């Protein structure tokens, strides 16, 4: 396991999506352990494509605003 400041580092830098994960996982350790947060961290880092996102977006727990933000991010 990486040091605390490395956990979900890229996601932490994206205000909207990080706020969404904090809403879903108020306890930081729960977010660190979350597969959804790991997936979002990857998308924020430029990994994944629109097809992949369309298959899994409903499993990430995001509200409509979070989904829209993620779709725009991945579509760039």
N, C-alpha and C. Protein backbone atom coordinates (compact mmCIF):
# COMPACT_ATOMS: atom_id res chain seq x y z
N UNK A 1 0.85 -1.17 0.00
CA UNK A 1 0.00 0.00 0.00
C UNK A 1 0.90 1.24 0.00
N UNK A 2 0.57 2.18 -0.85
CA UNK A 2 1.34 3.42 -0.93
C UNK A 2 1.09 4.30 0.30
N UNK A 3 1.97 5.28 0.48
CA UNK A 3 1.80 6.22 1.58
C UNK A 3 0.47 6.95 1.43
N UNK A 4 -0.03 7.46 2.52
CA UNK A 4 -1.33 8.12 2.56
C UNK A 4 -1.46 9.22 1.51
N UNK A 5 -0.45 10.06 1.37
CA UNK A 5 -0.57 11.18 0.43
C UNK A 5 -0.60 10.73 -1.03
N UNK A 6 -0.23 9.48 -1.29
CA UNK A 6 -0.31 8.94 -2.65
C UNK A 6 -1.69 8.34 -2.95
N UNK A 7 -2.45 8.03 -1.94
CA UNK A 7 -3.73 7.36 -2.14
C UNK A 7 -4.69 8.24 -2.93
N UNK A 8 -5.11 7.75 -4.08
CA UNK A 8 -6.07 8.45 -4.94
C UNK A 8 -5.59 9.87 -5.25
N UNK A 9 -4.30 10.01 -5.47
CA UNK A 9 -3.66 11.31 -5.67
C UNK A 9 -4.28 12.10 -6.81
N UNK A 10 -4.46 11.48 -7.95
CA UNK A 10 -5.02 12.20 -9.10
C UNK A 10 -6.47 12.59 -8.86
N UNK A 11 -7.21 11.69 -8.24
CA UNK A 11 -8.61 11.97 -7.92
C UNK A 11 -8.72 13.14 -6.95
N UNK A 12 -7.83 13.21 -5.99
CA UNK A 12 -7.85 14.31 -5.03
C UNK A 12 -7.68 15.66 -5.72
N UNK A 13 -7.00 15.68 -6.85
CA UNK A 13 -6.77 16.92 -7.58
C UNK A 13 -7.93 17.34 -8.46
N UNK A 14 -8.96 16.51 -8.54
CA UNK A 14 -10.12 16.84 -9.37
C UNK A 14 -11.29 17.11 -8.45
N UNK A 15 -11.55 18.37 -8.20
CA UNK A 15 -12.53 18.79 -7.19
C UNK A 15 -13.89 18.13 -7.28
N UNK A 16 -14.51 18.15 -8.44
CA UNK A 16 -15.88 17.64 -8.58
C UNK A 16 -15.94 16.14 -8.28
N UNK A 17 -15.06 15.38 -8.91
CA UNK A 17 -15.11 13.93 -8.73
C UNK A 17 -14.65 13.51 -7.34
N UNK A 18 -13.68 14.22 -6.79
CA UNK A 18 -13.25 13.91 -5.43
C UNK A 18 -14.38 14.21 -4.44
N UNK A 19 -15.08 15.29 -4.65
CA UNK A 19 -16.22 15.64 -3.78
C UNK A 19 -17.30 14.56 -3.86
N UNK A 20 -17.53 14.04 -5.05
CA UNK A 20 -18.49 12.95 -5.22
C UNK A 20 -18.07 11.71 -4.41
N UNK A 21 -16.80 11.37 -4.48
CA UNK A 21 -16.34 10.19 -3.74
C UNK A 21 -16.42 10.44 -2.23
N UNK A 22 -16.15 11.66 -1.79
CA UNK A 22 -16.27 11.97 -0.36
C UNK A 22 -17.73 11.88 0.09
N UNK A 23 -18.65 12.20 -0.82
CA UNK A 23 -20.08 12.07 -0.50
C UNK A 23 -20.44 10.60 -0.31
N UNK A 24 -19.93 9.77 -1.18
CA UNK A 24 -20.24 8.34 -1.13
C UNK A 24 -19.47 7.65 -0.01
N UNK A 25 -18.22 8.04 0.16
CA UNK A 25 -17.33 7.42 1.15
C UNK A 25 -16.83 8.48 2.12
N UNK A 26 -17.63 8.84 3.13
CA UNK A 26 -17.19 9.88 4.07
C UNK A 26 -15.93 9.50 4.85
N UNK A 27 -15.70 8.21 5.06
CA UNK A 27 -14.48 7.77 5.73
C UNK A 27 -13.38 7.56 4.69
N UNK A 28 -12.27 8.24 4.88
CA UNK A 28 -11.19 8.21 3.89
C UNK A 28 -10.75 6.78 3.56
N UNK A 29 -10.63 5.93 4.55
CA UNK A 29 -10.17 4.56 4.30
C UNK A 29 -11.15 3.81 3.40
N UNK A 30 -12.43 4.09 3.53
CA UNK A 30 -13.41 3.45 2.65
C UNK A 30 -13.19 3.88 1.21
N UNK A 31 -12.84 5.16 1.01
CA UNK A 31 -12.55 5.63 -0.35
C UNK A 31 -11.27 4.98 -0.87
N UNK A 32 -10.26 4.88 -0.04
CA UNK A 32 -9.00 4.26 -0.45
C UNK A 32 -9.25 2.82 -0.88
N UNK A 33 -10.13 2.12 -0.19
CA UNK A 33 -10.42 0.72 -0.48
C UNK A 33 -11.41 0.53 -1.63
N UNK A 34 -12.02 1.61 -2.10
CA UNK A 34 -13.08 1.54 -3.10
C UNK A 34 -12.57 1.27 -4.51
N UNK A 35 -13.17 0.30 -5.16
CA UNK A 35 -12.87 0.03 -6.57
C UNK A 35 -13.34 1.19 -7.43
N UNK A 36 -14.50 1.77 -7.11
CA UNK A 36 -15.01 2.89 -7.90
C UNK A 36 -14.04 4.07 -7.83
N UNK A 37 -13.52 4.37 -6.66
CA UNK A 37 -12.57 5.48 -6.53
C UNK A 37 -11.29 5.17 -7.30
N UNK A 38 -10.87 3.93 -7.29
CA UNK A 38 -9.68 3.54 -8.06
C UNK A 38 -9.93 3.72 -9.55
N UNK A 39 -11.12 3.36 -10.01
CA UNK A 39 -11.46 3.53 -11.43
C UNK A 39 -11.46 5.02 -11.80
N UNK A 40 -12.07 5.85 -10.94
CA UNK A 40 -12.09 7.28 -11.21
C UNK A 40 -10.69 7.86 -11.23
N UNK A 41 -9.84 7.44 -10.30
CA UNK A 41 -8.46 7.89 -10.27
C UNK A 41 -7.78 7.59 -11.61
N UNK A 42 -8.05 6.42 -12.16
CA UNK A 42 -7.49 6.06 -13.46
C UNK A 42 -8.01 6.92 -14.58
N UNK A 43 -9.31 7.16 -14.59
CA UNK A 43 -9.87 8.02 -15.63
C UNK A 43 -9.31 9.43 -15.55
N UNK A 44 -9.19 9.96 -14.35
CA UNK A 44 -8.62 11.30 -14.18
C UNK A 44 -7.18 11.32 -14.70
N UNK A 45 -6.48 10.22 -14.55
CA UNK A 45 -5.10 10.12 -15.03
C UNK A 45 -4.97 9.85 -16.51
N UNK A 46 -6.09 9.81 -17.23
CA UNK A 46 -6.05 9.62 -18.67
C UNK A 46 -6.12 8.18 -19.13
N UNK A 47 -6.45 7.28 -18.23
CA UNK A 47 -6.55 5.86 -18.58
C UNK A 47 -8.01 5.51 -18.78
N UNK A 48 -8.30 4.74 -19.78
CA UNK A 48 -9.68 4.38 -20.10
C UNK A 48 -10.19 5.21 -21.25
N UNK A 49 -11.21 4.69 -21.90
CA UNK A 49 -11.77 5.39 -23.06
C UNK A 49 -13.28 5.49 -22.94
N UNK A 50 -13.90 6.15 -23.91
CA UNK A 50 -15.33 6.38 -23.87
C UNK A 50 -16.15 5.08 -23.87
N UNK A 51 -15.71 4.09 -24.64
CA UNK A 51 -16.43 2.82 -24.68
C UNK A 51 -16.39 2.13 -23.32
N UNK A 52 -15.23 2.09 -22.73
CA UNK A 52 -15.08 1.48 -21.41
C UNK A 52 -15.93 2.21 -20.38
N UNK A 53 -15.89 3.54 -20.42
CA UNK A 53 -16.67 4.34 -19.48
C UNK A 53 -18.16 4.09 -19.65
N UNK A 54 -18.62 3.99 -20.89
CA UNK A 54 -20.06 3.79 -21.11
C UNK A 54 -20.52 2.45 -20.53
N UNK A 55 -19.63 1.46 -20.49
CA UNK A 55 -20.00 0.16 -19.93
C UNK A 55 -20.05 0.18 -18.40
N UNK A 56 -19.30 1.07 -17.77
CA UNK A 56 -19.22 1.00 -16.31
C UNK A 56 -19.68 2.24 -15.56
N UNK A 57 -20.08 3.28 -16.24
CA UNK A 57 -20.38 4.52 -15.56
C UNK A 57 -21.48 4.37 -14.50
N UNK A 58 -22.45 3.52 -14.77
CA UNK A 58 -23.56 3.33 -13.82
C UNK A 58 -23.13 2.59 -12.57
N UNK A 59 -21.98 1.97 -12.59
CA UNK A 59 -21.51 1.20 -11.42
C UNK A 59 -20.65 2.04 -10.48
N UNK A 60 -20.37 3.29 -10.86
CA UNK A 60 -19.44 4.11 -10.08
C UNK A 60 -20.10 4.91 -8.96
N UNK A 61 -21.42 4.97 -8.93
CA UNK A 61 -22.13 5.63 -7.85
C UNK A 61 -22.24 7.14 -7.97
N UNK A 62 -21.88 7.69 -9.10
CA UNK A 62 -21.89 9.14 -9.28
C UNK A 62 -23.30 9.68 -9.47
N UNK A 63 -23.50 10.92 -9.05
CA UNK A 63 -24.77 11.58 -9.36
C UNK A 63 -24.67 12.09 -10.80
N UNK A 64 -25.75 12.70 -11.30
CA UNK A 64 -25.77 13.12 -12.70
C UNK A 64 -24.66 14.11 -13.02
N UNK A 65 -24.39 15.05 -12.12
CA UNK A 65 -23.32 16.02 -12.35
C UNK A 65 -21.96 15.36 -12.41
N UNK A 66 -21.73 14.39 -11.54
CA UNK A 66 -20.47 13.65 -11.56
C UNK A 66 -20.30 12.85 -12.84
N UNK A 67 -21.39 12.23 -13.28
CA UNK A 67 -21.34 11.47 -14.54
C UNK A 67 -21.00 12.39 -15.71
N UNK A 68 -21.67 13.54 -15.75
CA UNK A 68 -21.42 14.49 -16.83
C UNK A 68 -19.97 14.96 -16.83
N UNK A 69 -19.46 15.27 -15.66
CA UNK A 69 -18.06 15.70 -15.53
C UNK A 69 -17.11 14.62 -16.02
N UNK A 70 -17.37 13.39 -15.65
CA UNK A 70 -16.50 12.28 -16.04
C UNK A 70 -16.57 12.03 -17.55
N UNK A 71 -17.75 12.08 -18.12
CA UNK A 71 -17.91 11.88 -19.57
C UNK A 71 -17.13 12.96 -20.32
N UNK A 72 -17.24 14.20 -19.87
CA UNK A 72 -16.49 15.30 -20.52
C UNK A 72 -14.99 15.08 -20.39
N UNK A 73 -14.55 14.67 -19.23
CA UNK A 73 -13.12 14.44 -18.98
C UNK A 73 -12.57 13.36 -19.90
N UNK A 74 -13.29 12.25 -20.00
CA UNK A 74 -12.81 11.13 -20.79
C UNK A 74 -12.91 11.44 -22.29
N UNK A 75 -13.87 12.26 -22.67
CA UNK A 75 -14.05 12.60 -24.08
C UNK A 75 -13.01 13.56 -24.63
N UNK A 76 -12.19 14.14 -23.78
CA UNK A 76 -11.16 15.09 -24.26
C UNK A 76 -10.08 14.42 -25.03
